[in-house]
């Protein structure tokens, strides 16, 4: 039998795109982390559009640098909304390149939990789940929590 004190804390990956739904997902992950001691990786994924069903194009370097900076600002703003001025040390951020659905599933490999909002910026009005959350639920190797946003 292993000693629970010697095992690493659980690791949670949470998809954050700046939408209200993703802020709720980050808030849920923060509560889970506070209760379990889990570490959190807040991930914002992006891709450069290209033809075909899955955008796989590569952006020129100046565009890539500018987009990464903008995505990091979005992550930082989300962290501020959830944690205030001091983000806990157990929380890290990552800007990942790739279609958000695939990037989140890849980032969650080896994680204990993946948390996503029920829909984000690309949602079609009226859908209960977005395409990214559906993809994560059906393909991630770890459990997935889909957090619904409840407007105030």
N, C-alpha and C. Protein backbone atom coordinates (compact mmCIF):
# COMPACT_ATOMS: atom_id res chain seq x y z
N UNK A 1 0.84 -1.17 0.00
CA UNK A 1 0.00 0.00 0.00
C UNK A 1 0.89 1.24 0.00
N UNK A 2 0.52 2.22 -0.82
CA UNK A 2 1.33 3.43 -0.90
C UNK A 2 0.85 4.46 0.09
N UNK A 3 1.76 5.27 0.51
CA UNK A 3 1.45 6.34 1.44
C UNK A 3 0.87 7.53 0.66
N UNK A 4 -0.39 7.94 0.95
CA UNK A 4 -0.99 9.04 0.21
C UNK A 4 -0.21 10.34 0.33
N UNK A 5 0.49 10.52 1.44
CA UNK A 5 1.26 11.74 1.64
C UNK A 5 2.44 11.80 0.67
N UNK A 6 2.92 10.65 0.19
CA UNK A 6 4.08 10.65 -0.70
C UNK A 6 3.68 10.71 -2.18
N UNK A 7 2.39 10.56 -2.49
CA UNK A 7 1.97 10.61 -3.89
C UNK A 7 1.81 12.07 -4.32
N UNK A 8 2.07 12.33 -5.60
CA UNK A 8 1.94 13.72 -6.07
C UNK A 8 0.49 14.15 -6.05
N UNK A 9 0.25 15.46 -5.96
CA UNK A 9 -1.13 15.93 -5.98
C UNK A 9 -1.75 15.69 -7.35
N UNK A 10 -3.06 15.62 -7.42
CA UNK A 10 -3.70 15.45 -8.73
C UNK A 10 -3.37 16.64 -9.62
N UNK A 11 -3.41 16.40 -10.92
CA UNK A 11 -3.15 17.47 -11.88
C UNK A 11 -4.38 17.68 -12.75
N UNK A 12 -4.81 18.94 -12.87
CA UNK A 12 -6.01 19.32 -13.62
C UNK A 12 -5.61 20.23 -14.78
N UNK A 13 -6.10 19.92 -15.95
CA UNK A 13 -5.96 20.80 -17.11
C UNK A 13 -7.30 21.45 -17.33
N UNK A 14 -7.30 22.76 -17.52
CA UNK A 14 -8.56 23.48 -17.75
C UNK A 14 -8.43 24.34 -19.00
N UNK A 15 -9.42 24.24 -19.88
CA UNK A 15 -9.44 25.04 -21.10
C UNK A 15 -9.97 26.42 -20.81
N UNK A 16 -9.20 27.43 -21.21
CA UNK A 16 -9.59 28.83 -20.97
C UNK A 16 -9.45 29.62 -22.26
N UNK A 17 -10.57 30.17 -22.74
CA UNK A 17 -10.52 31.00 -23.94
C UNK A 17 -11.02 32.42 -23.67
N UNK A 18 -11.28 32.72 -22.42
CA UNK A 18 -11.76 34.05 -22.05
C UNK A 18 -13.27 34.18 -22.03
N UNK A 19 -13.98 33.17 -22.53
CA UNK A 19 -15.44 33.21 -22.51
C UNK A 19 -15.94 33.04 -21.07
N UNK A 20 -17.19 33.46 -20.84
CA UNK A 20 -17.78 33.29 -19.51
C UNK A 20 -17.80 31.83 -19.10
N UNK A 21 -18.03 30.94 -20.07
CA UNK A 21 -18.06 29.50 -19.78
C UNK A 21 -16.70 29.00 -19.33
N UNK A 22 -15.64 29.50 -19.96
CA UNK A 22 -14.30 29.04 -19.59
C UNK A 22 -13.88 29.63 -18.24
N UNK A 23 -14.36 30.82 -17.92
CA UNK A 23 -14.08 31.40 -16.60
C UNK A 23 -14.74 30.54 -15.53
N UNK A 24 -15.96 30.08 -15.79
CA UNK A 24 -16.64 29.19 -14.84
C UNK A 24 -15.88 27.87 -14.70
N UNK A 25 -15.34 27.36 -15.80
CA UNK A 25 -14.55 26.12 -15.73
C UNK A 25 -13.30 26.34 -14.88
N UNK A 26 -12.65 27.48 -15.05
CA UNK A 26 -11.46 27.79 -14.24
C UNK A 26 -11.84 27.96 -12.78
N UNK A 27 -12.96 28.60 -12.53
CA UNK A 27 -13.43 28.78 -11.14
C UNK A 27 -13.72 27.41 -10.50
N UNK A 28 -14.33 26.49 -11.26
CA UNK A 28 -14.61 25.15 -10.75
C UNK A 28 -13.29 24.43 -10.44
N UNK A 29 -12.34 24.52 -11.36
CA UNK A 29 -11.03 23.89 -11.16
C UNK A 29 -10.32 24.47 -9.94
N UNK A 30 -10.47 25.77 -9.72
CA UNK A 30 -9.87 26.40 -8.54
C UNK A 30 -10.46 25.84 -7.25
N UNK A 31 -11.77 25.65 -7.23
CA UNK A 31 -12.41 25.06 -6.05
C UNK A 31 -11.97 23.63 -5.83
N UNK A 32 -11.86 22.89 -6.93
CA UNK A 32 -11.39 21.50 -6.84
C UNK A 32 -9.96 21.47 -6.32
N UNK A 33 -9.15 22.38 -6.82
CA UNK A 33 -7.75 22.45 -6.38
C UNK A 33 -7.65 22.80 -4.90
N UNK A 34 -8.48 23.73 -4.45
CA UNK A 34 -8.46 24.11 -3.04
C UNK A 34 -8.84 22.93 -2.14
N UNK A 35 -9.76 22.10 -2.64
CA UNK A 35 -10.22 20.96 -1.84
C UNK A 35 -9.26 19.78 -1.88
N UNK A 36 -8.52 19.63 -2.96
CA UNK A 36 -7.69 18.43 -3.13
C UNK A 36 -6.19 18.69 -3.17
N UNK A 37 -5.79 19.96 -3.29
CA UNK A 37 -4.38 20.27 -3.43
C UNK A 37 -3.87 20.09 -4.85
N UNK A 38 -4.78 19.93 -5.80
CA UNK A 38 -4.40 19.69 -7.20
C UNK A 38 -3.66 20.88 -7.80
N UNK A 39 -2.77 20.57 -8.72
CA UNK A 39 -2.15 21.61 -9.53
C UNK A 39 -3.06 21.86 -10.74
N UNK A 40 -2.99 23.06 -11.27
CA UNK A 40 -3.82 23.44 -12.41
C UNK A 40 -2.95 23.95 -13.54
N UNK A 41 -3.21 23.46 -14.74
CA UNK A 41 -2.64 24.03 -15.96
C UNK A 41 -3.79 24.67 -16.72
N UNK A 42 -3.80 25.99 -16.79
CA UNK A 42 -4.80 26.71 -17.56
C UNK A 42 -4.26 26.84 -18.98
N UNK A 43 -4.99 26.28 -19.95
CA UNK A 43 -4.50 26.20 -21.32
C UNK A 43 -5.41 26.97 -22.26
N UNK A 44 -4.79 27.82 -23.06
CA UNK A 44 -5.51 28.54 -24.11
C UNK A 44 -4.91 28.08 -25.44
N UNK A 45 -5.71 27.47 -26.28
CA UNK A 45 -5.21 26.94 -27.55
C UNK A 45 -5.66 27.82 -28.70
N UNK A 46 -4.83 27.88 -29.73
CA UNK A 46 -5.18 28.65 -30.92
C UNK A 46 -4.58 27.98 -32.14
N UNK A 47 -5.11 28.32 -33.30
CA UNK A 47 -4.59 27.77 -34.55
C UNK A 47 -4.73 28.81 -35.65
N UNK A 48 -3.92 28.66 -36.65
CA UNK A 48 -3.95 29.52 -37.83
C UNK A 48 -4.82 28.82 -38.86
N UNK A 49 -5.93 29.41 -39.24
CA UNK A 49 -6.86 28.71 -40.13
C UNK A 49 -6.25 28.32 -41.47
N UNK A 50 -6.65 27.18 -41.94
CA UNK A 50 -6.27 26.68 -43.25
C UNK A 50 -7.47 25.90 -43.79
N UNK A 51 -7.41 25.51 -45.02
CA UNK A 51 -8.51 24.77 -45.63
C UNK A 51 -8.61 23.38 -45.02
N UNK A 52 -9.81 22.82 -45.03
CA UNK A 52 -10.01 21.46 -44.53
C UNK A 52 -10.76 21.46 -43.22
N UNK A 53 -11.16 20.29 -42.77
CA UNK A 53 -11.98 20.19 -41.56
C UNK A 53 -11.23 20.56 -40.29
N UNK A 54 -9.93 20.32 -40.25
CA UNK A 54 -9.14 20.65 -39.07
C UNK A 54 -8.06 21.62 -39.48
N UNK A 55 -8.15 22.86 -39.03
CA UNK A 55 -7.14 23.83 -39.42
C UNK A 55 -5.75 23.40 -38.98
N UNK A 56 -4.84 23.33 -39.92
CA UNK A 56 -3.49 22.87 -39.60
C UNK A 56 -2.43 23.81 -40.13
N UNK A 57 -2.82 24.98 -40.60
CA UNK A 57 -1.85 25.92 -41.14
C UNK A 57 -0.92 26.45 -40.07
N UNK A 58 0.17 27.01 -40.53
CA UNK A 58 1.13 27.63 -39.60
C UNK A 58 1.20 29.11 -39.89
N UNK A 59 1.11 29.90 -38.87
CA UNK A 59 1.17 31.35 -39.02
C UNK A 59 2.61 31.80 -39.14
N UNK A 60 2.84 32.91 -39.87
CA UNK A 60 4.18 33.49 -39.90
C UNK A 60 4.60 33.90 -38.49
N UNK A 61 5.90 33.88 -38.22
CA UNK A 61 6.42 34.14 -36.87
C UNK A 61 5.93 35.45 -36.25
N UNK A 62 5.92 36.58 -36.97
CA UNK A 62 5.41 37.80 -36.32
C UNK A 62 3.96 37.67 -35.86
N UNK A 63 3.15 36.98 -36.64
CA UNK A 63 1.75 36.77 -36.24
C UNK A 63 1.70 35.84 -35.04
N UNK A 64 2.49 34.78 -35.06
CA UNK A 64 2.53 33.83 -33.96
C UNK A 64 2.90 34.52 -32.65
N UNK A 65 3.92 35.37 -32.67
CA UNK A 65 4.34 36.07 -31.46
C UNK A 65 3.24 37.00 -30.95
N UNK A 66 2.61 37.71 -31.86
CA UNK A 66 1.54 38.63 -31.48
C UNK A 66 0.34 37.88 -30.91
N UNK A 67 -0.04 36.78 -31.56
CA UNK A 67 -1.19 36.00 -31.09
C UNK A 67 -0.89 35.38 -29.74
N UNK A 68 0.31 34.83 -29.57
CA UNK A 68 0.67 34.24 -28.27
C UNK A 68 0.58 35.28 -27.15
N UNK A 69 1.05 36.49 -27.43
CA UNK A 69 0.99 37.55 -26.41
C UNK A 69 -0.47 37.88 -26.08
N UNK A 70 -1.32 37.94 -27.09
CA UNK A 70 -2.75 38.22 -26.87
C UNK A 70 -3.41 37.08 -26.10
N UNK A 71 -3.08 35.84 -26.44
CA UNK A 71 -3.65 34.69 -25.73
C UNK A 71 -3.20 34.68 -24.28
N UNK A 72 -1.94 35.04 -24.02
CA UNK A 72 -1.44 35.08 -22.65
C UNK A 72 -2.17 36.16 -21.85
N UNK A 73 -2.45 37.29 -22.50
CA UNK A 73 -3.22 38.35 -21.83
C UNK A 73 -4.62 37.84 -21.46
N UNK A 74 -5.22 37.05 -22.34
CA UNK A 74 -6.54 36.47 -22.06
C UNK A 74 -6.46 35.54 -20.86
N UNK A 75 -5.42 34.69 -20.83
CA UNK A 75 -5.23 33.80 -19.68
C UNK A 75 -5.03 34.58 -18.40
N UNK A 76 -4.19 35.61 -18.45
CA UNK A 76 -3.91 36.42 -17.26
C UNK A 76 -5.18 37.10 -16.75
N UNK A 77 -6.01 37.60 -17.67
CA UNK A 77 -7.27 38.24 -17.27
C UNK A 77 -8.21 37.23 -16.62
N UNK A 78 -8.26 36.01 -17.15
CA UNK A 78 -9.10 34.96 -16.56
C UNK A 78 -8.62 34.61 -15.16
N UNK A 79 -7.30 34.48 -15.01
CA UNK A 79 -6.75 34.18 -13.69
C UNK A 79 -7.10 35.28 -12.69
N UNK A 80 -7.03 36.54 -13.13
CA UNK A 80 -7.37 37.67 -12.25
C UNK A 80 -8.83 37.62 -11.84
N UNK A 81 -9.72 37.23 -12.76
CA UNK A 81 -11.14 37.14 -12.43
C UNK A 81 -11.41 36.07 -11.39
N UNK A 82 -10.65 34.98 -11.45
CA UNK A 82 -10.89 33.86 -10.54
C UNK A 82 -10.11 33.99 -9.25
N UNK A 83 -8.84 34.37 -9.33
CA UNK A 83 -7.97 34.37 -8.15
C UNK A 83 -7.67 35.75 -7.58
N UNK A 84 -8.07 36.80 -8.25
CA UNK A 84 -7.73 38.14 -7.79
C UNK A 84 -6.31 38.50 -8.19
N UNK A 85 -5.64 39.26 -7.34
CA UNK A 85 -4.32 39.77 -7.70
C UNK A 85 -3.19 38.76 -7.50
N UNK A 86 -3.43 37.71 -6.75
CA UNK A 86 -2.37 36.73 -6.46
C UNK A 86 -2.81 35.33 -6.90
N UNK A 87 -2.23 34.87 -8.00
CA UNK A 87 -2.52 33.52 -8.48
C UNK A 87 -1.70 32.54 -7.67
N UNK A 88 -2.31 31.48 -7.14
CA UNK A 88 -1.56 30.50 -6.36
C UNK A 88 -0.42 29.87 -7.16
N UNK A 89 0.62 29.48 -6.48
CA UNK A 89 1.77 28.86 -7.12
C UNK A 89 1.46 27.53 -7.79
N UNK A 90 0.37 26.90 -7.40
CA UNK A 90 0.02 25.60 -7.99
C UNK A 90 -0.66 25.74 -9.35
N UNK A 91 -0.80 27.00 -9.83
CA UNK A 91 -1.47 27.27 -11.10
C UNK A 91 -0.44 27.73 -12.13
N UNK A 92 -0.45 27.08 -13.29
CA UNK A 92 0.43 27.50 -14.38
C UNK A 92 -0.43 27.76 -15.61
N UNK A 93 0.15 28.47 -16.57
CA UNK A 93 -0.58 28.76 -17.81
C UNK A 93 0.23 28.27 -19.00
N UNK A 94 -0.49 28.01 -20.08
CA UNK A 94 0.17 27.60 -21.31
C UNK A 94 -0.67 28.05 -22.50
N UNK A 95 0.00 28.62 -23.49
CA UNK A 95 -0.62 28.90 -24.77
C UNK A 95 -0.18 27.78 -25.69
N UNK A 96 -1.14 26.98 -26.13
CA UNK A 96 -0.84 25.81 -26.95
C UNK A 96 -1.27 26.07 -28.39
N UNK A 97 -0.47 25.58 -29.32
CA UNK A 97 -0.82 25.73 -30.73
C UNK A 97 -1.57 24.49 -31.20
N UNK A 98 -2.68 24.69 -31.87
CA UNK A 98 -3.46 23.60 -32.43
C UNK A 98 -4.94 23.85 -32.24
N UNK A 99 -5.74 23.05 -32.93
CA UNK A 99 -7.19 23.18 -32.76
C UNK A 99 -7.49 22.97 -31.28
N UNK A 100 -8.31 23.83 -30.67
CA UNK A 100 -8.54 23.73 -29.22
C UNK A 100 -8.95 22.35 -28.73
N UNK A 101 -9.81 21.67 -29.44
CA UNK A 101 -10.26 20.34 -29.00
C UNK A 101 -9.08 19.38 -28.92
N UNK A 102 -8.29 19.34 -29.96
CA UNK A 102 -7.15 18.41 -29.99
C UNK A 102 -6.05 18.85 -29.03
N UNK A 103 -5.82 20.16 -28.93
CA UNK A 103 -4.77 20.64 -28.04
C UNK A 103 -5.10 20.32 -26.58
N UNK A 104 -6.36 20.49 -26.18
CA UNK A 104 -6.73 20.20 -24.80
C UNK A 104 -6.61 18.72 -24.49
N UNK A 105 -7.03 17.87 -25.40
CA UNK A 105 -6.90 16.42 -25.19
C UNK A 105 -5.42 16.05 -25.08
N UNK A 106 -4.58 16.63 -25.91
CA UNK A 106 -3.14 16.35 -25.85
C UNK A 106 -2.56 16.85 -24.53
N UNK A 107 -2.92 18.06 -24.13
CA UNK A 107 -2.41 18.61 -22.86
C UNK A 107 -2.87 17.78 -21.67
N UNK A 108 -4.03 17.14 -21.78
CA UNK A 108 -4.58 16.36 -20.67
C UNK A 108 -4.02 14.94 -20.58
N UNK A 109 -3.18 14.54 -21.54
CA UNK A 109 -2.56 13.21 -21.44
C UNK A 109 -1.73 13.16 -20.17
N UNK A 110 -2.01 12.20 -19.33
CA UNK A 110 -1.30 12.07 -18.06
C UNK A 110 -1.90 12.89 -16.93
N UNK A 111 -2.89 13.74 -17.24
CA UNK A 111 -3.56 14.53 -16.19
C UNK A 111 -4.60 13.66 -15.50
N UNK A 112 -5.01 14.09 -14.33
CA UNK A 112 -6.04 13.38 -13.59
C UNK A 112 -7.45 13.83 -13.96
N UNK A 113 -7.54 15.03 -14.55
CA UNK A 113 -8.85 15.59 -14.85
C UNK A 113 -8.69 16.69 -15.90
N UNK A 114 -9.66 16.78 -16.81
CA UNK A 114 -9.74 17.86 -17.78
C UNK A 114 -11.05 18.59 -17.52
N UNK A 115 -10.99 19.92 -17.42
CA UNK A 115 -12.17 20.73 -17.14
C UNK A 115 -12.37 21.70 -18.29
N UNK A 116 -13.58 21.73 -18.84
CA UNK A 116 -13.91 22.65 -19.92
C UNK A 116 -15.27 23.28 -19.66
N UNK A 117 -15.51 24.42 -20.28
CA UNK A 117 -16.83 25.03 -20.24
C UNK A 117 -17.74 24.34 -21.23
N UNK A 118 -19.04 24.52 -21.08
CA UNK A 118 -19.97 23.82 -21.97
C UNK A 118 -19.93 24.37 -23.38
N UNK A 119 -19.52 25.60 -23.55
CA UNK A 119 -19.29 26.15 -24.88
C UNK A 119 -18.47 27.42 -24.72
N UNK A 120 -17.75 27.78 -25.77
CA UNK A 120 -16.89 28.96 -25.70
C UNK A 120 -17.19 29.95 -26.79
N UNK A 121 -16.16 30.62 -27.28
CA UNK A 121 -16.35 31.68 -28.27
C UNK A 121 -16.91 31.19 -29.60
N UNK A 122 -16.69 29.94 -29.95
CA UNK A 122 -17.15 29.46 -31.25
C UNK A 122 -18.51 28.79 -31.21
N UNK A 123 -19.25 28.95 -30.14
CA UNK A 123 -20.50 28.20 -29.95
C UNK A 123 -21.61 28.69 -30.88
N UNK A 124 -22.43 27.73 -31.30
CA UNK A 124 -23.65 28.06 -32.01
C UNK A 124 -24.73 28.28 -30.96
N UNK A 125 -25.48 29.35 -31.08
CA UNK A 125 -26.52 29.66 -30.10
C UNK A 125 -27.50 28.49 -29.97
N UNK A 126 -27.80 28.12 -28.74
CA UNK A 126 -28.77 27.07 -28.50
C UNK A 126 -28.16 25.71 -28.25
N UNK A 127 -26.88 25.54 -28.55
CA UNK A 127 -26.26 24.23 -28.29
C UNK A 127 -26.04 24.05 -26.80
N UNK A 128 -26.27 22.86 -26.30
CA UNK A 128 -26.02 22.59 -24.89
C UNK A 128 -24.53 22.35 -24.64
N UNK A 129 -23.86 21.74 -25.59
CA UNK A 129 -22.42 21.53 -25.51
C UNK A 129 -21.80 22.03 -26.80
N UNK A 130 -20.59 22.58 -26.69
CA UNK A 130 -19.88 23.00 -27.88
C UNK A 130 -19.09 21.85 -28.47
N UNK A 131 -18.58 22.05 -29.66
CA UNK A 131 -17.83 20.98 -30.33
C UNK A 131 -16.55 20.63 -29.59
N UNK A 132 -15.92 21.61 -28.94
CA UNK A 132 -14.69 21.32 -28.19
C UNK A 132 -15.01 20.44 -26.99
N UNK A 133 -16.04 20.79 -26.23
CA UNK A 133 -16.37 19.98 -25.05
C UNK A 133 -16.81 18.58 -25.46
N UNK A 134 -17.56 18.45 -26.54
CA UNK A 134 -17.96 17.12 -27.02
C UNK A 134 -16.73 16.30 -27.38
N UNK A 135 -15.80 16.92 -28.11
CA UNK A 135 -14.57 16.21 -28.49
C UNK A 135 -13.79 15.77 -27.26
N UNK A 136 -13.67 16.65 -26.29
CA UNK A 136 -12.92 16.31 -25.07
C UNK A 136 -13.57 15.15 -24.32
N UNK A 137 -14.89 15.21 -24.17
CA UNK A 137 -15.60 14.15 -23.46
C UNK A 137 -15.43 12.81 -24.15
N UNK A 138 -15.43 12.80 -25.46
CA UNK A 138 -15.40 11.54 -26.19
C UNK A 138 -14.00 11.02 -26.47
N UNK A 139 -12.95 11.84 -26.30
CA UNK A 139 -11.62 11.36 -26.67
C UNK A 139 -10.55 11.47 -25.59
N UNK A 140 -10.76 12.26 -24.56
CA UNK A 140 -9.72 12.42 -23.53
C UNK A 140 -9.49 11.12 -22.78
N UNK A 141 -8.24 10.90 -22.39
CA UNK A 141 -7.87 9.68 -21.68
C UNK A 141 -8.18 9.78 -20.18
N UNK A 142 -8.52 10.96 -19.71
CA UNK A 142 -8.83 11.15 -18.29
C UNK A 142 -10.29 11.58 -18.15
N UNK A 143 -10.81 11.58 -16.93
CA UNK A 143 -12.17 12.08 -16.73
C UNK A 143 -12.27 13.55 -17.16
N UNK A 144 -13.45 13.93 -17.64
CA UNK A 144 -13.70 15.29 -18.11
C UNK A 144 -14.89 15.86 -17.36
N UNK A 145 -14.73 17.08 -16.86
CA UNK A 145 -15.83 17.81 -16.23
C UNK A 145 -16.22 18.93 -17.18
N UNK A 146 -17.50 18.99 -17.53
CA UNK A 146 -18.02 20.08 -18.35
C UNK A 146 -18.84 20.98 -17.43
N UNK A 147 -18.39 22.22 -17.30
CA UNK A 147 -19.01 23.17 -16.38
C UNK A 147 -19.92 24.10 -17.16
N UNK A 148 -21.17 24.17 -16.73
CA UNK A 148 -22.13 25.07 -17.38
C UNK A 148 -22.05 26.45 -16.74
N UNK A 149 -22.10 27.46 -17.57
CA UNK A 149 -22.13 28.84 -17.10
C UNK A 149 -23.57 29.22 -16.78
N UNK A 150 -23.76 29.81 -15.63
CA UNK A 150 -25.09 30.27 -15.25
C UNK A 150 -25.04 31.79 -15.20
N UNK A 151 -25.65 32.45 -16.18
CA UNK A 151 -25.64 33.92 -16.19
C UNK A 151 -26.27 34.48 -14.93
N UNK A 152 -25.74 35.59 -14.49
CA UNK A 152 -26.25 36.23 -13.26
C UNK A 152 -27.56 36.90 -13.51
